[in-house]
Amino acid sequence: MSEQTDKKMTSGEALKAVYALLQEGGYDPVGQLVGYLLSEDPTYITNVGNARVLVRYIDRDELLKDLLFNYLKE
């Protein structure tokens, strides 16, 4: 994981990494990520496996654009 943090991560890579770390740690990744994305408060993310640091690589605007594009795509 440290190799990932050495280079600039994309929002998608960060999202997948945080999700996996939270899931592996036995946490509710969806609940924690929703809390973070709505508030931009990193304390919503447990620090298991450095997830709280990685979550800061997520660009909320980019993520929302991608979600809307993929959701509305036919």
PDB file of N, CA and C in Angstrom:
ATOM      1  N   MET A   1       0.817  -1.202   0.000  1.00  0.00           N
ATOM      2  CA  MET A   1       0.000   0.000   0.000  1.00  0.00           C
ATOM      3  C   MET A   1       0.857   1.261   0.000  1.00  0.00           C
ATOM      4  N   SER A   2       2.038   1.211   0.585  1.00  0.00           N
ATOM      5  CA  SER A   2       2.883   2.400   0.611  1.00  0.00           C
ATOM      6  C   SER A   2       3.329   2.788  -0.790  1.00  0.00           C
ATOM      7  N   GLU A   3       3.468   1.806  -1.686  1.00  0.00           N
ATOM      8  CA  GLU A   3       3.831   2.119  -3.066  1.00  0.00           C
ATOM      9  C   GLU A   3       2.724   2.943  -3.726  1.00  0.00           C
ATOM     10  N   GLN A   4       1.467   2.643  -3.405  1.00  0.00           N
ATOM     11  CA  GLN A   4       0.339   3.405  -3.936  1.00  0.00           C
ATOM     12  C   GLN A   4       0.366   4.844  -3.460  1.00  0.00           C
ATOM     13  N   THR A   5       0.729   5.080  -2.224  1.00  0.00           N
ATOM     14  CA  THR A   5       0.711   6.443  -1.698  1.00  0.00           C
ATOM     15  C   THR A   5       1.892   7.260  -2.187  1.00  0.00           C
ATOM     16  N   ASP A   6       2.942   6.596  -2.692  1.00  0.00           N
ATOM     17  CA  ASP A   6       4.096   7.321  -3.216  1.00  0.00           C
ATOM     18  C   ASP A   6       3.759   8.058  -4.503  1.00  0.00           C
ATOM     19  N   LYS A   7       2.851   7.514  -5.303  1.00  0.00           N
ATOM     20  CA  LYS A   7       2.431   8.184  -6.527  1.00  0.00           C
ATOM     21  C   LYS A   7       1.053   8.784  -6.294  1.00  0.00           C
ATOM     22  N   LYS A   8       0.667   9.687  -7.163  1.00  0.00           N
ATOM     23  CA  LYS A   8      -0.651  10.294  -7.028  1.00  0.00           C
ATOM     24  C   LYS A   8      -1.711   9.279  -7.427  1.00  0.00           C
ATOM     25  N   MET A   9      -2.625   9.003  -6.522  1.00  0.00           N
ATOM     26  CA  MET A   9      -3.698   8.057  -6.791  1.00  0.00           C
ATOM     27  C   MET A   9      -4.853   8.781  -7.468  1.00  0.00           C
ATOM     28  N   THR A  10      -5.578   8.065  -8.295  1.00  0.00           N
ATOM     29  CA  THR A  10      -6.816   8.612  -8.838  1.00  0.00           C
ATOM     30  C   THR A  10      -7.901   8.452  -7.780  1.00  0.00           C
ATOM     31  N   SER A  11      -8.992   9.155  -7.954  1.00  0.00           N
ATOM     32  CA  SER A  11     -10.113   9.024  -7.025  1.00  0.00           C
ATOM     33  C   SER A  11     -10.633   7.600  -6.997  1.00  0.00           C
ATOM     34  N   GLY A  12     -10.690   6.973  -8.168  1.00  0.00           N
ATOM     35  CA  GLY A  12     -11.180   5.595  -8.249  1.00  0.00           C
ATOM     36  C   GLY A  12     -10.284   4.622  -7.512  1.00  0.00           C
ATOM     37  N   GLU A  13      -8.977   4.778  -7.673  1.00  0.00           N
ATOM     38  CA  GLU A  13      -8.035   3.908  -6.966  1.00  0.00           C
ATOM     39  C   GLU A  13      -8.154   4.099  -5.459  1.00  0.00           C
ATOM     40  N   ALA A  14      -8.263   5.343  -5.037  1.00  0.00           N
ATOM     41  CA  ALA A  14      -8.381   5.626  -3.603  1.00  0.00           C
ATOM     42  C   ALA A  14      -9.671   5.056  -3.046  1.00  0.00           C
ATOM     43  N   LEU A  15     -10.760   5.228  -3.779  1.00  0.00           N
ATOM     44  CA  LEU A  15     -12.059   4.714  -3.327  1.00  0.00           C
ATOM     45  C   LEU A  15     -12.018   3.202  -3.163  1.00  0.00           C
ATOM     46  N   LYS A  16     -11.470   2.515  -4.153  1.00  0.00           N
ATOM     47  CA  LYS A  16     -11.379   1.051  -4.086  1.00  0.00           C
ATOM     48  C   LYS A  16     -10.468   0.603  -2.950  1.00  0.00           C
ATOM     49  N   ALA A  17      -9.353   1.304  -2.751  1.00  0.00           N
ATOM     50  CA  ALA A  17      -8.420   0.940  -1.689  1.00  0.00           C
ATOM     51  C   ALA A  17      -9.039   1.143  -0.312  1.00  0.00           C
ATOM     52  N   VAL A  18      -9.700   2.277  -0.118  1.00  0.00           N
ATOM     53  CA  VAL A  18     -10.342   2.556   1.174  1.00  0.00           C
ATOM     54  C   VAL A  18     -11.449   1.545   1.433  1.00  0.00           C
ATOM     55  N   TYR A  19     -12.257   1.278   0.429  1.00  0.00           N
ATOM     56  CA  TYR A  19     -13.346   0.298   0.573  1.00  0.00           C
ATOM     57  C   TYR A  19     -12.793  -1.058   1.010  1.00  0.00           C
ATOM     58  N   ALA A  20     -11.745  -1.517   0.328  1.00  0.00           N
ATOM     59  CA  ALA A  20     -11.158  -2.821   0.654  1.00  0.00           C
ATOM     60  C   ALA A  20     -10.584  -2.841   2.072  1.00  0.00           C
ATOM     61  N   LEU A  21      -9.890  -1.783   2.455  1.00  0.00           N
ATOM     62  CA  LEU A  21      -9.303  -1.726   3.803  1.00  0.00           C
ATOM     63  C   LEU A  21     -10.384  -1.758   4.880  1.00  0.00           C
ATOM     64  N   LEU A  22     -11.448  -0.993   4.681  1.00  0.00           N
ATOM     65  CA  LEU A  22     -12.523  -0.971   5.669  1.00  0.00           C
ATOM     66  C   LEU A  22     -13.228  -2.314   5.741  1.00  0.00           C
ATOM     67  N   GLN A  23     -13.457  -2.912   4.582  1.00  0.00           N
ATOM     68  CA  GLN A  23     -14.119  -4.218   4.553  1.00  0.00           C
ATOM     69  C   GLN A  23     -13.258  -5.282   5.232  1.00  0.00           C
ATOM     70  N   GLU A  24     -11.966  -5.278   4.938  1.00  0.00           N
ATOM     71  CA  GLU A  24     -11.044  -6.231   5.569  1.00  0.00           C
ATOM     72  C   GLU A  24     -10.987  -6.041   7.075  1.00  0.00           C
ATOM     73  N   GLY A  25     -11.139  -4.794   7.529  1.00  0.00           N
ATOM     74  CA  GLY A  25     -11.103  -4.500   8.955  1.00  0.00           C
ATOM     75  C   GLY A  25     -12.412  -4.801   9.670  1.00  0.00           C
ATOM     76  N   GLY A  26     -13.420  -5.241   8.919  1.00  0.00           N
ATOM     77  CA  GLY A  26     -14.706  -5.588   9.523  1.00  0.00           C
ATOM     78  C   GLY A  26     -15.624  -4.397   9.727  1.00  0.00           C
ATOM     79  N   TYR A  27     -15.340  -3.298   9.052  1.00  0.00           N
ATOM     80  CA  TYR A  27     -16.148  -2.095   9.183  1.00  0.00           C
ATOM     81  C   TYR A  27     -17.178  -2.016   8.062  1.00  0.00           C
ATOM     82  N   ASP A  28     -18.113  -1.074   8.169  1.00  0.00           N
ATOM     83  CA  ASP A  28     -19.115  -0.827   7.144  1.00  0.00           C
ATOM     84  C   ASP A  28     -18.557   0.212   6.168  1.00  0.00           C
ATOM     85  N   PRO A  29     -17.965  -0.228   5.062  1.00  0.00           N
ATOM     86  CA  PRO A  29     -17.317   0.733   4.164  1.00  0.00           C
ATOM     87  C   PRO A  29     -18.294   1.704   3.522  1.00  0.00           C
ATOM     88  N   VAL A  30     -19.471   1.246   3.162  1.00  0.00           N
ATOM     89  CA  VAL A  30     -20.436   2.134   2.513  1.00  0.00           C
ATOM     90  C   VAL A  30     -20.869   3.232   3.472  1.00  0.00           C
ATOM     91  N   GLY A  31     -21.205   2.878   4.688  1.00  0.00           N
ATOM     92  CA  GLY A  31     -21.630   3.871   5.676  1.00  0.00           C
ATOM     93  C   GLY A  31     -20.555   4.901   5.964  1.00  0.00           C
ATOM     94  N   GLN A  32     -19.325   4.428   6.124  1.00  0.00           N
ATOM     95  CA  GLN A  32     -18.230   5.358   6.412  1.00  0.00           C
ATOM     96  C   GLN A  32     -17.936   6.253   5.213  1.00  0.00           C
ATOM     97  N   LEU A  33     -17.948   5.688   4.011  1.00  0.00           N
ATOM     98  CA  LEU A  33     -17.671   6.498   2.821  1.00  0.00           C
ATOM     99  C   LEU A  33     -18.770   7.514   2.555  1.00  0.00           C
ATOM    100  N   VAL A  34     -20.008   7.135   2.759  1.00  0.00           N
ATOM    101  CA  VAL A  34     -21.110   8.095   2.589  1.00  0.00           C
ATOM    102  C   VAL A  34     -20.964   9.239   3.586  1.00  0.00           C
ATOM    103  N   GLY A  35     -20.673   8.916   4.824  1.00  0.00           N
ATOM    104  CA  GLY A  35     -20.458   9.952   5.837  1.00  0.00           C
ATOM    105  C   GLY A  35     -19.343  10.900   5.446  1.00  0.00           C
ATOM    106  N   TYR A  36     -18.249  10.345   4.953  1.00  0.00           N
ATOM    107  CA  TYR A  36     -17.130  11.186   4.529  1.00  0.00           C
ATOM    108  C   TYR A  36     -17.503  12.033   3.323  1.00  0.00           C
ATOM    109  N   LEU A  37     -18.117  11.425   2.317  1.00  0.00           N
ATOM    110  CA  LEU A  37     -18.431  12.155   1.091  1.00  0.00           C
ATOM    111  C   LEU A  37     -19.433  13.285   1.330  1.00  0.00           C
ATOM    112  N   LEU A  38     -20.355  13.085   2.249  1.00  0.00           N
ATOM    113  CA  LEU A  38     -21.322  14.140   2.553  1.00  0.00           C
ATOM    114  C   LEU A  38     -20.716  15.275   3.370  1.00  0.00           C
ATOM    115  N   SER A  39     -19.810  14.940   4.262  1.00  0.00           N
ATOM    116  CA  SER A  39     -19.283  15.944   5.195  1.00  0.00           C
ATOM    117  C   SER A  39     -17.865  16.412   4.872  1.00  0.00           C
ATOM    118  N   GLU A  40     -17.118  15.607   4.163  1.00  0.00           N
ATOM    119  CA  GLU A  40     -15.689  15.811   3.911  1.00  0.00           C
ATOM    120  C   GLU A  40     -14.874  15.809   5.210  1.00  0.00           C
ATOM    121  N   ASP A  41     -15.415  15.158   6.224  1.00  0.00           N
ATOM    122  CA  ASP A  41     -14.741  15.026   7.513  1.00  0.00           C
ATOM    123  C   ASP A  41     -14.052  13.660   7.563  1.00  0.00           C
ATOM    124  N   PRO A  42     -12.718  13.628   7.512  1.00  0.00           N
ATOM    125  CA  PRO A  42     -12.010  12.346   7.461  1.00  0.00           C
ATOM    126  C   PRO A  42     -12.188  11.483   8.704  1.00  0.00           C
ATOM    127  N   THR A  43     -12.707  12.033   9.792  1.00  0.00           N
ATOM    128  CA  THR A  43     -12.901  11.205  10.987  1.00  0.00           C
ATOM    129  C   THR A  43     -14.038  10.209  10.798  1.00  0.00           C
ATOM    130  N   TYR A  44     -14.815  10.336   9.724  1.00  0.00           N
ATOM    131  CA  TYR A  44     -15.815   9.307   9.411  1.00  0.00           C
ATOM    132  C   TYR A  44     -15.152   8.000   8.998  1.00  0.00           C
ATOM    133  N   ILE A  45     -13.887   8.082   8.576  1.00  0.00           N
ATOM    134  CA  ILE A  45     -13.172   6.906   8.104  1.00  0.00           C
ATOM    135  C   ILE A  45     -12.244   6.407   9.199  1.00  0.00           C
ATOM    136  N   THR A  46     -12.412   5.144   9.553  1.00  0.00           N
ATOM    137  CA  THR A  46     -11.523   4.515  10.524  1.00  0.00           C
ATOM    138  C   THR A  46     -10.107   4.487   9.948  1.00  0.00           C
ATOM    139  N   ASN A  47      -9.120   4.585  10.771  1.00  0.00           N
ATOM    140  CA  ASN A  47      -7.747   4.655  10.288  1.00  0.00           C
ATOM    141  C   ASN A  47      -7.121   3.282  10.020  1.00  0.00           C
ATOM    142  N   VAL A  48      -7.919   2.250   9.938  1.00  0.00           N
ATOM    143  CA  VAL A  48      -7.402   0.907   9.669  1.00  0.00           C
ATOM    144  C   VAL A  48      -6.633   0.918   8.342  1.00  0.00           C
ATOM    145  N   GLY A  49      -5.408   0.406   8.370  1.00  0.00           N
ATOM    146  CA  GLY A  49      -4.598   0.308   7.164  1.00  0.00           C
ATOM    147  C   GLY A  49      -4.323   1.632   6.475  1.00  0.00           C
ATOM    148  N   ASN A  50      -4.362   2.719   7.215  1.00  0.00           N
ATOM    149  CA  ASN A  50      -4.106   4.050   6.660  1.00  0.00           C
ATOM    150  C   ASN A  50      -5.241   4.558   5.759  1.00  0.00           C
ATOM    151  N   ALA A  51      -6.443   4.021   5.952  1.00  0.00           N
ATOM    152  CA  ALA A  51      -7.593   4.391   5.117  1.00  0.00           C
ATOM    153  C   ALA A  51      -7.918   5.879   5.225  1.00  0.00           C
ATOM    154  N   ARG A  52      -7.733   6.448   6.396  1.00  0.00           N
ATOM    155  CA  ARG A  52      -8.050   7.869   6.580  1.00  0.00           C
ATOM    156  C   ARG A  52      -7.130   8.763   5.744  1.00  0.00           C
ATOM    157  N   VAL A  53      -5.901   8.348   5.565  1.00  0.00           N
ATOM    158  CA  VAL A  53      -4.974   9.104   4.711  1.00  0.00           C
ATOM    159  C   VAL A  53      -5.369   8.929   3.244  1.00  0.00           C
ATOM    160  N   LEU A  54      -5.673   7.699   2.857  1.00  0.00           N
ATOM    161  CA  LEU A  54      -6.013   7.417   1.463  1.00  0.00           C
ATOM    162  C   LEU A  54      -7.302   8.095   1.015  1.00  0.00           C
ATOM    163  N   VAL A  55      -8.250   8.248   1.923  1.00  0.00           N
ATOM    164  CA  VAL A  55      -9.538   8.825   1.539  1.00  0.00           C
ATOM    165  C   VAL A  55      -9.383  10.269   1.068  1.00  0.00           C
ATOM    166  N   ARG A  56      -8.325  10.913   1.465  1.00  0.00           N
ATOM    167  CA  ARG A  56      -8.109  12.307   1.055  1.00  0.00           C
ATOM    168  C   ARG A  56      -7.706  12.429  -0.414  1.00  0.00           C
ATOM    169  N   TYR A  57      -7.417  11.308  -1.050  1.00  0.00           N
ATOM    170  CA  TYR A  57      -7.118  11.307  -2.479  1.00  0.00           C
ATOM    171  C   TYR A  57      -8.395  11.339  -3.329  1.00  0.00           C
ATOM    172  N   ILE A  58      -9.544  11.178  -2.698  1.00  0.00           N
ATOM    173  CA  ILE A  58     -10.805  11.160  -3.444  1.00  0.00           C
ATOM    174  C   ILE A  58     -11.254  12.587  -3.726  1.00  0.00           C
ATOM    175  N   ASP A  59     -11.428  12.885  -4.985  1.00  0.00           N
ATOM    176  CA  ASP A  59     -11.959  14.179  -5.421  1.00  0.00           C
ATOM    177  C   ASP A  59     -13.475  14.014  -5.521  1.00  0.00           C
ATOM    178  N   ARG A  60     -14.205  14.631  -4.603  1.00  0.00           N
ATOM    179  CA  ARG A  60     -15.657  14.439  -4.544  1.00  0.00           C
ATOM    180  C   ARG A  60     -16.352  14.866  -5.816  1.00  0.00           C
ATOM    181  N   ASP A  61     -15.948  15.975  -6.405  1.00  0.00           N
ATOM    182  CA  ASP A  61     -16.576  16.444  -7.637  1.00  0.00           C
ATOM    183  C   ASP A  61     -16.376  15.435  -8.763  1.00  0.00           C
ATOM    184  N   GLU A  62     -15.151  14.946  -8.898  1.00  0.00           N
ATOM    185  CA  GLU A  62     -14.854  13.959  -9.933  1.00  0.00           C
ATOM    186  C   GLU A  62     -15.664  12.686  -9.713  1.00  0.00           C
ATOM    187  N   LEU A  63     -15.739  12.251  -8.463  1.00  0.00           N
ATOM    188  CA  LEU A  63     -16.470  11.037  -8.139  1.00  0.00           C
ATOM    189  C   LEU A  63     -17.960  11.190  -8.442  1.00  0.00           C
ATOM    190  N   LEU A  64     -18.551  12.313  -8.054  1.00  0.00           N
ATOM    191  CA  LEU A  64     -19.974  12.534  -8.322  1.00  0.00           C
ATOM    192  C   LEU A  64     -20.264  12.601  -9.817  1.00  0.00           C
ATOM    193  N   LYS A  65     -19.396  13.245 -10.583  1.00  0.00           N
ATOM    194  CA  LYS A  65     -19.571  13.289 -12.037  1.00  0.00           C
ATOM    195  C   LYS A  65     -19.541  11.883 -12.621  1.00  0.00           C
ATOM    196  N   ASP A  66     -18.565  11.079 -12.182  1.00  0.00           N
ATOM    197  CA  ASP A  66     -18.461   9.709 -12.683  1.00  0.00           C
ATOM    198  C   ASP A  66     -19.675   8.872 -12.303  1.00  0.00           C
ATOM    199  N   LEU A  67     -20.136   9.033 -11.057  1.00  0.00           N
ATOM    200  CA  LEU A  67     -21.308   8.277 -10.618  1.00  0.00           C
ATOM    201  C   LEU A  67     -22.543   8.641 -11.430  1.00  0.00           C
ATOM    202  N   LEU A  68     -22.771   9.929 -11.620  1.00  0.00           N
ATOM    203  CA  LEU A  68     -23.927  10.355 -12.406  1.00  0.00           C
ATOM    204  C   LEU A  68     -23.820   9.896 -13.852  1.00  0.00           C
ATOM    205  N   PHE A  69     -22.660  10.041 -14.440  1.00  0.00           N
ATOM    206  CA  PHE A  69     -22.473   9.611 -15.820  1.00  0.00           C
ATOM    207  C   PHE A  69     -22.778   8.125 -15.975  1.00  0.00           C
ATOM    208  N   ASN A  70     -22.214   7.315 -15.088  1.00  0.00           N
ATOM    209  CA  ASN A  70     -22.421   5.862 -15.180  1.00  0.00           C
ATOM    210  C   ASN A  70     -23.835   5.449 -14.825  1.00  0.00           C
ATOM    211  N   TYR A  71     -24.462   6.138 -13.912  1.00  0.00           N
ATOM    212  CA  TYR A  71     -25.832   5.810 -13.504  1.00  0.00           C
ATOM    213  C   TYR A  71     -26.824   6.164 -14.605  1.00  0.00           C
ATOM    214  N   LEU A  72     -26.609   7.293 -15.265  1.00  0.00           N
ATOM    215  CA  LEU A  72     -27.554   7.746 -16.289  1.00  0.00           C
ATOM    216  C   LEU A  72     -27.251   7.216 -17.684  1.00  0.00           C
ATOM    217  N   LYS A  73     -26.108   6.591 -17.848  1.00  0.00           N
ATOM    218  CA  LYS A  73     -25.707   6.034 -19.133  1.00  0.00           C
ATOM    219  C   LYS A  73     -26.661   4.895 -19.514  1.00  0.00           C
ATOM    220  N   GLU A  74     -27.061   4.882 -20.756  1.00  0.00           N
ATOM    221  CA  GLU A  74     -27.979   3.811 -21.211  1.00  0.00           C
ATOM    222  C   GLU A  74     -27.237   2.685 -21.857  1.00  0.00           C
TER     223      GLU A  74
END
